[in-house]
Amino acid sequence: MTFIDPTQQLLATAMRGSWQRQTALTNNLSNADTPNYKPQEVNFESALQNAVGSGGSLEELQFQTETLPADAGPNGASVSVDQESAKLAENGLDYQALTQVLSTRDSIMRAAMGLNG
């Protein structure tokens, strides 16, 4: 039997969104020199907020990868390596924080159930 409370479900869904954003950001960096490439973004926070506000199912929530409008640079690409690197670092820290919170919650739940050890 799997027990998933709403907070755990919210954290797991946020981690999924952050992972999808990480993929989009790494794609952006990989294509920084690709002519006509447009950067992508995953705004999972607003989708998550809307789902929670409307009482929607978090398990079924799909995050959309959006192509951002951007002006092409001299090489024809529209990706700023500095901006994407900063976003990547920030998202990595967000994901790490989510995993730490989830791990701490798991430890507390195990202790409450007497399962430590």
N, C-alpha and C. Protein backbone atom coordinates (compact mmCIF):
# COMPACT_ATOMS: atom_id res chain seq x y z
N MET A 1 0.84 -1.18 0.00
CA MET A 1 0.00 0.00 0.00
C MET A 1 0.89 1.24 0.00
N THR A 2 0.61 2.14 -0.89
CA THR A 2 1.35 3.39 -0.97
C THR A 2 0.53 4.51 -0.35
N PHE A 3 1.18 5.23 0.56
CA PHE A 3 0.50 6.35 1.21
C PHE A 3 1.14 7.64 0.71
N ILE A 4 0.36 8.42 -0.02
CA ILE A 4 0.85 9.71 -0.50
C ILE A 4 -0.12 10.78 -0.06
N ASP A 5 0.37 11.65 0.83
CA ASP A 5 -0.48 12.76 1.28
C ASP A 5 -0.35 13.92 0.29
N PRO A 6 -1.22 14.91 0.40
CA PRO A 6 -1.19 16.03 -0.56
C PRO A 6 0.14 16.79 -0.60
N THR A 7 0.80 16.94 0.53
CA THR A 7 2.07 17.65 0.55
C THR A 7 3.15 16.87 -0.19
N GLN A 8 3.18 15.58 0.04
CA GLN A 8 4.15 14.73 -0.65
C GLN A 8 3.88 14.74 -2.16
N GLN A 9 2.63 14.70 -2.53
CA GLN A 9 2.25 14.75 -3.93
C GLN A 9 2.66 16.08 -4.57
N LEU A 10 2.47 17.16 -3.83
CA LEU A 10 2.86 18.49 -4.31
C LEU A 10 4.37 18.58 -4.52
N LEU A 11 5.13 18.07 -3.56
CA LEU A 11 6.59 18.09 -3.67
C LEU A 11 7.07 17.25 -4.86
N ALA A 12 6.49 16.07 -5.02
CA ALA A 12 6.88 15.19 -6.12
C ALA A 12 6.54 15.82 -7.47
N THR A 13 5.41 16.49 -7.56
CA THR A 13 5.02 17.15 -8.80
C THR A 13 5.92 18.34 -9.09
N ALA A 14 6.28 19.09 -8.06
CA ALA A 14 7.20 20.22 -8.24
C ALA A 14 8.57 19.72 -8.70
N MET A 15 9.01 18.59 -8.17
CA MET A 15 10.28 18.01 -8.60
C MET A 15 10.22 17.60 -10.07
N ARG A 16 9.10 17.06 -10.48
CA ARG A 16 8.91 16.67 -11.89
C ARG A 16 8.98 17.90 -12.79
N GLY A 17 8.34 18.99 -12.37
CA GLY A 17 8.37 20.22 -13.14
C GLY A 17 9.77 20.81 -13.20
N SER A 18 10.48 20.78 -12.09
CA SER A 18 11.83 21.30 -12.05
C SER A 18 12.75 20.47 -12.95
N TRP A 19 12.54 19.17 -12.96
CA TRP A 19 13.35 18.29 -13.82
C TRP A 19 13.09 18.61 -15.29
N GLN A 20 11.83 18.84 -15.64
CA GLN A 20 11.49 19.18 -17.02
C GLN A 20 12.12 20.52 -17.41
N ARG A 21 12.12 21.48 -16.48
CA ARG A 21 12.77 22.77 -16.74
C ARG A 21 14.28 22.57 -16.94
N GLN A 22 14.88 21.72 -16.13
CA GLN A 22 16.31 21.45 -16.24
C GLN A 22 16.64 20.92 -17.64
N THR A 23 15.78 20.06 -18.15
CA THR A 23 15.97 19.51 -19.49
C THR A 23 15.90 20.61 -20.54
N ALA A 24 14.91 21.50 -20.42
CA ALA A 24 14.77 22.60 -21.38
C ALA A 24 15.99 23.53 -21.32
N LEU A 25 16.45 23.82 -20.12
CA LEU A 25 17.60 24.72 -19.97
C LEU A 25 18.88 24.10 -20.52
N THR A 26 19.08 22.81 -20.30
CA THR A 26 20.27 22.16 -20.86
C THR A 26 20.18 22.10 -22.38
N ASN A 27 18.97 21.93 -22.91
CA ASN A 27 18.79 21.99 -24.37
C ASN A 27 19.16 23.37 -24.89
N ASN A 28 18.76 24.40 -24.16
CA ASN A 28 19.09 25.77 -24.57
C ASN A 28 20.61 25.96 -24.64
N LEU A 29 21.30 25.51 -23.62
CA LEU A 29 22.76 25.66 -23.61
C LEU A 29 23.41 24.83 -24.71
N SER A 30 22.87 23.65 -24.95
CA SER A 30 23.43 22.78 -25.99
C SER A 30 23.27 23.40 -27.37
N ASN A 31 22.24 24.22 -27.54
CA ASN A 31 21.95 24.83 -28.84
C ASN A 31 22.31 26.31 -28.89
N ALA A 32 23.17 26.74 -28.00
CA ALA A 32 23.52 28.17 -27.93
C ALA A 32 24.11 28.69 -29.24
N ASP A 33 24.76 27.83 -30.00
CA ASP A 33 25.36 28.25 -31.27
C ASP A 33 24.58 27.77 -32.49
N THR A 34 23.40 27.25 -32.27
CA THR A 34 22.59 26.75 -33.38
C THR A 34 21.79 27.91 -33.99
N PRO A 35 22.03 28.21 -35.25
CA PRO A 35 21.29 29.30 -35.89
C PRO A 35 19.78 29.05 -35.85
N ASN A 36 19.04 30.12 -35.59
CA ASN A 36 17.57 30.12 -35.56
C ASN A 36 16.97 29.32 -34.40
N TYR A 37 17.79 28.84 -33.46
CA TYR A 37 17.25 28.13 -32.30
C TYR A 37 16.63 29.15 -31.35
N LYS A 38 15.45 28.87 -30.86
CA LYS A 38 14.77 29.72 -29.88
C LYS A 38 14.81 29.03 -28.52
N PRO A 39 15.15 29.76 -27.47
CA PRO A 39 15.21 29.15 -26.14
C PRO A 39 13.84 28.68 -25.68
N GLN A 40 13.87 27.67 -24.82
CA GLN A 40 12.65 27.10 -24.27
C GLN A 40 12.63 27.28 -22.76
N GLU A 41 11.42 27.25 -22.21
CA GLU A 41 11.23 27.42 -20.77
C GLU A 41 10.05 26.56 -20.33
N VAL A 42 10.10 26.13 -19.09
CA VAL A 42 8.99 25.41 -18.47
C VAL A 42 8.61 26.19 -17.23
N ASN A 43 7.45 26.83 -17.25
CA ASN A 43 6.98 27.60 -16.10
C ASN A 43 6.06 26.71 -15.27
N PHE A 44 6.68 25.76 -14.57
CA PHE A 44 5.88 24.79 -13.83
C PHE A 44 5.24 25.38 -12.58
N GLU A 45 5.83 26.46 -12.05
CA GLU A 45 5.27 27.04 -10.82
C GLU A 45 3.84 27.54 -11.04
N SER A 46 3.61 28.25 -12.13
CA SER A 46 2.25 28.78 -12.37
C SER A 46 1.28 27.65 -12.66
N ALA A 47 1.71 26.64 -13.40
CA ALA A 47 0.83 25.49 -13.67
C ALA A 47 0.50 24.75 -12.38
N LEU A 48 1.48 24.63 -11.52
CA LEU A 48 1.28 23.97 -10.22
C LEU A 48 0.34 24.78 -9.35
N GLN A 49 0.55 26.09 -9.32
CA GLN A 49 -0.30 26.98 -8.53
C GLN A 49 -1.75 26.92 -9.03
N ASN A 50 -1.94 26.93 -10.34
CA ASN A 50 -3.29 26.85 -10.91
C ASN A 50 -3.96 25.53 -10.57
N ALA A 51 -3.21 24.44 -10.64
CA ALA A 51 -3.77 23.12 -10.33
C ALA A 51 -4.17 23.02 -8.87
N VAL A 52 -3.33 23.53 -7.98
CA VAL A 52 -3.64 23.50 -6.55
C VAL A 52 -4.84 24.40 -6.26
N GLY A 53 -4.87 25.58 -6.87
CA GLY A 53 -5.97 26.52 -6.65
C GLY A 53 -7.30 26.01 -7.14
N SER A 54 -7.28 25.24 -8.22
CA SER A 54 -8.53 24.74 -8.78
C SER A 54 -8.89 23.35 -8.26
N GLY A 55 -8.03 22.77 -7.44
CA GLY A 55 -8.29 21.43 -6.91
C GLY A 55 -8.05 20.34 -7.93
N GLY A 56 -7.26 20.64 -8.96
CA GLY A 56 -6.97 19.66 -10.01
C GLY A 56 -6.04 18.57 -9.52
N SER A 57 -5.99 17.49 -10.27
CA SER A 57 -5.15 16.35 -9.95
C SER A 57 -3.69 16.67 -10.25
N LEU A 58 -2.84 16.54 -9.25
CA LEU A 58 -1.42 16.80 -9.46
C LEU A 58 -0.76 15.66 -10.22
N GLU A 59 -1.26 14.45 -10.05
CA GLU A 59 -0.69 13.31 -10.75
C GLU A 59 -0.86 13.43 -12.26
N GLU A 60 -1.94 14.05 -12.69
CA GLU A 60 -2.23 14.17 -14.11
C GLU A 60 -1.73 15.48 -14.71
N LEU A 61 -1.14 16.33 -13.90
CA LEU A 61 -0.68 17.64 -14.36
C LEU A 61 0.48 17.48 -15.33
N GLN A 62 0.33 18.07 -16.51
CA GLN A 62 1.38 18.05 -17.52
C GLN A 62 1.95 19.47 -17.66
N PHE A 63 3.25 19.57 -17.62
CA PHE A 63 3.90 20.86 -17.77
C PHE A 63 4.25 21.06 -19.24
N GLN A 64 4.06 22.28 -19.71
CA GLN A 64 4.30 22.60 -21.11
C GLN A 64 5.65 23.28 -21.28
N THR A 65 6.40 22.80 -22.25
CA THR A 65 7.64 23.45 -22.63
C THR A 65 7.29 24.49 -23.68
N GLU A 66 7.61 25.74 -23.38
CA GLU A 66 7.26 26.85 -24.27
C GLU A 66 8.50 27.39 -24.96
N THR A 67 8.33 27.76 -26.22
CA THR A 67 9.40 28.42 -26.95
C THR A 67 9.28 29.91 -26.73
N LEU A 68 10.37 30.51 -26.30
CA LEU A 68 10.37 31.94 -25.96
C LEU A 68 10.71 32.79 -27.17
N PRO A 69 10.05 33.92 -27.31
CA PRO A 69 10.45 34.84 -28.38
C PRO A 69 11.78 35.49 -27.99
N ALA A 70 12.68 35.55 -28.93
CA ALA A 70 13.98 36.16 -28.63
C ALA A 70 14.61 36.67 -29.92
N ASP A 71 15.39 37.71 -29.77
CA ASP A 71 16.12 38.26 -30.92
C ASP A 71 17.39 37.45 -31.14
N ALA A 72 17.66 37.17 -32.39
CA ALA A 72 18.86 36.42 -32.74
C ALA A 72 20.09 37.28 -32.58
N GLY A 73 21.14 36.65 -32.12
CA GLY A 73 22.42 37.33 -31.98
C GLY A 73 23.19 37.29 -33.29
N PRO A 74 24.45 37.67 -33.26
CA PRO A 74 25.27 37.72 -34.47
C PRO A 74 25.41 36.37 -35.17
N ASN A 75 25.37 35.27 -34.39
CA ASN A 75 25.52 33.95 -34.99
C ASN A 75 24.17 33.34 -35.40
N GLY A 76 23.08 34.08 -35.25
CA GLY A 76 21.76 33.59 -35.63
C GLY A 76 21.03 32.89 -34.51
N ALA A 77 21.71 32.61 -33.41
CA ALA A 77 21.08 31.96 -32.26
C ALA A 77 20.54 33.03 -31.31
N SER A 78 19.57 32.66 -30.51
CA SER A 78 18.98 33.64 -29.59
C SER A 78 19.08 33.18 -28.14
N VAL A 79 20.14 32.46 -27.83
CA VAL A 79 20.35 31.96 -26.48
C VAL A 79 21.51 32.72 -25.84
N SER A 80 21.28 33.26 -24.67
CA SER A 80 22.34 33.89 -23.89
C SER A 80 22.91 32.84 -22.94
N VAL A 81 24.14 32.45 -23.17
CA VAL A 81 24.77 31.42 -22.35
C VAL A 81 24.81 31.85 -20.89
N ASP A 82 25.10 33.12 -20.62
CA ASP A 82 25.16 33.61 -19.24
C ASP A 82 23.79 33.50 -18.56
N GLN A 83 22.74 33.94 -19.24
CA GLN A 83 21.40 33.89 -18.65
C GLN A 83 20.94 32.45 -18.43
N GLU A 84 21.18 31.60 -19.42
CA GLU A 84 20.74 30.21 -19.30
C GLU A 84 21.53 29.48 -18.21
N SER A 85 22.82 29.78 -18.08
CA SER A 85 23.63 29.17 -17.03
C SER A 85 23.13 29.59 -15.65
N ALA A 86 22.77 30.86 -15.51
CA ALA A 86 22.23 31.34 -14.24
C ALA A 86 20.90 30.66 -13.91
N LYS A 87 20.04 30.54 -14.91
CA LYS A 87 18.75 29.85 -14.71
C LYS A 87 18.97 28.38 -14.34
N LEU A 88 19.95 27.76 -14.99
CA LEU A 88 20.26 26.36 -14.73
C LEU A 88 20.73 26.17 -13.29
N ALA A 89 21.59 27.07 -12.83
CA ALA A 89 22.09 27.00 -11.46
C ALA A 89 20.95 27.21 -10.46
N GLU A 90 20.10 28.20 -10.73
CA GLU A 90 18.98 28.48 -9.83
C GLU A 90 18.02 27.29 -9.78
N ASN A 91 17.73 26.73 -10.93
CA ASN A 91 16.82 25.59 -10.96
C ASN A 91 17.42 24.39 -10.24
N GLY A 92 18.73 24.20 -10.38
CA GLY A 92 19.39 23.11 -9.67
C GLY A 92 19.28 23.26 -8.16
N LEU A 93 19.42 24.50 -7.69
CA LEU A 93 19.27 24.75 -6.24
C LEU A 93 17.82 24.52 -5.79
N ASP A 94 16.87 24.92 -6.64
CA ASP A 94 15.45 24.68 -6.31
C ASP A 94 15.17 23.19 -6.21
N TYR A 95 15.68 22.42 -7.17
CA TYR A 95 15.46 20.97 -7.17
C TYR A 95 16.10 20.35 -5.93
N GLN A 96 17.30 20.79 -5.60
CA GLN A 96 17.99 20.28 -4.42
C GLN A 96 17.18 20.57 -3.16
N ALA A 97 16.63 21.77 -3.06
CA ALA A 97 15.81 22.13 -1.90
C ALA A 97 14.57 21.24 -1.82
N LEU A 98 13.94 20.99 -2.96
CA LEU A 98 12.76 20.12 -2.97
C LEU A 98 13.10 18.71 -2.51
N THR A 99 14.24 18.19 -2.97
CA THR A 99 14.62 16.83 -2.56
C THR A 99 14.95 16.78 -1.06
N GLN A 100 15.55 17.84 -0.55
CA GLN A 100 15.87 17.88 0.88
C GLN A 100 14.59 17.93 1.73
N VAL A 101 13.63 18.72 1.30
CA VAL A 101 12.36 18.79 2.03
C VAL A 101 11.66 17.44 2.00
N LEU A 102 11.64 16.81 0.84
CA LEU A 102 10.99 15.51 0.70
C LEU A 102 11.69 14.46 1.56
N SER A 103 13.00 14.49 1.57
CA SER A 103 13.77 13.55 2.39
C SER A 103 13.52 13.76 3.88
N THR A 104 13.47 15.02 4.30
CA THR A 104 13.21 15.33 5.70
C THR A 104 11.81 14.88 6.10
N ARG A 105 10.83 15.12 5.23
CA ARG A 105 9.45 14.67 5.50
C ARG A 105 9.41 13.15 5.63
N ASP A 106 10.15 12.46 4.75
CA ASP A 106 10.18 11.00 4.79
C ASP A 106 10.77 10.51 6.11
N SER A 107 11.85 11.15 6.56
CA SER A 107 12.47 10.78 7.84
C SER A 107 11.51 11.00 9.00
N ILE A 108 10.80 12.11 8.97
CA ILE A 108 9.83 12.40 10.05
C ILE A 108 8.71 11.37 10.06
N MET A 109 8.20 11.04 8.87
CA MET A 109 7.12 10.04 8.78
C MET A 109 7.58 8.67 9.26
N ARG A 110 8.81 8.30 8.88
CA ARG A 110 9.34 6.99 9.31
C ARG A 110 9.52 6.96 10.84
N ALA A 111 10.02 8.07 11.38
CA ALA A 111 10.19 8.13 12.84
C ALA A 111 8.84 8.04 13.55
N ALA A 112 7.83 8.71 13.02
CA ALA A 112 6.51 8.69 13.62
C ALA A 112 5.89 7.29 13.58
N MET A 113 6.26 6.52 12.56
CA MET A 113 5.73 5.15 12.43
C MET A 113 6.64 4.12 13.08
N GLY A 114 7.75 4.59 13.67
CA GLY A 114 8.68 3.68 14.32
C GLY A 114 9.48 2.82 13.35
N LEU A 115 9.75 3.35 12.17
CA LEU A 115 10.44 2.59 11.15
C LEU A 115 11.90 2.96 11.00
N ASN A 116 12.44 3.79 11.88
CA ASN A 116 13.85 4.15 11.79
C ASN A 116 14.70 3.01 12.30
N GLY A 117 15.59 2.56 11.46
CA GLY A 117 16.52 1.52 11.90
C GLY A 117 16.41 0.32 11.14
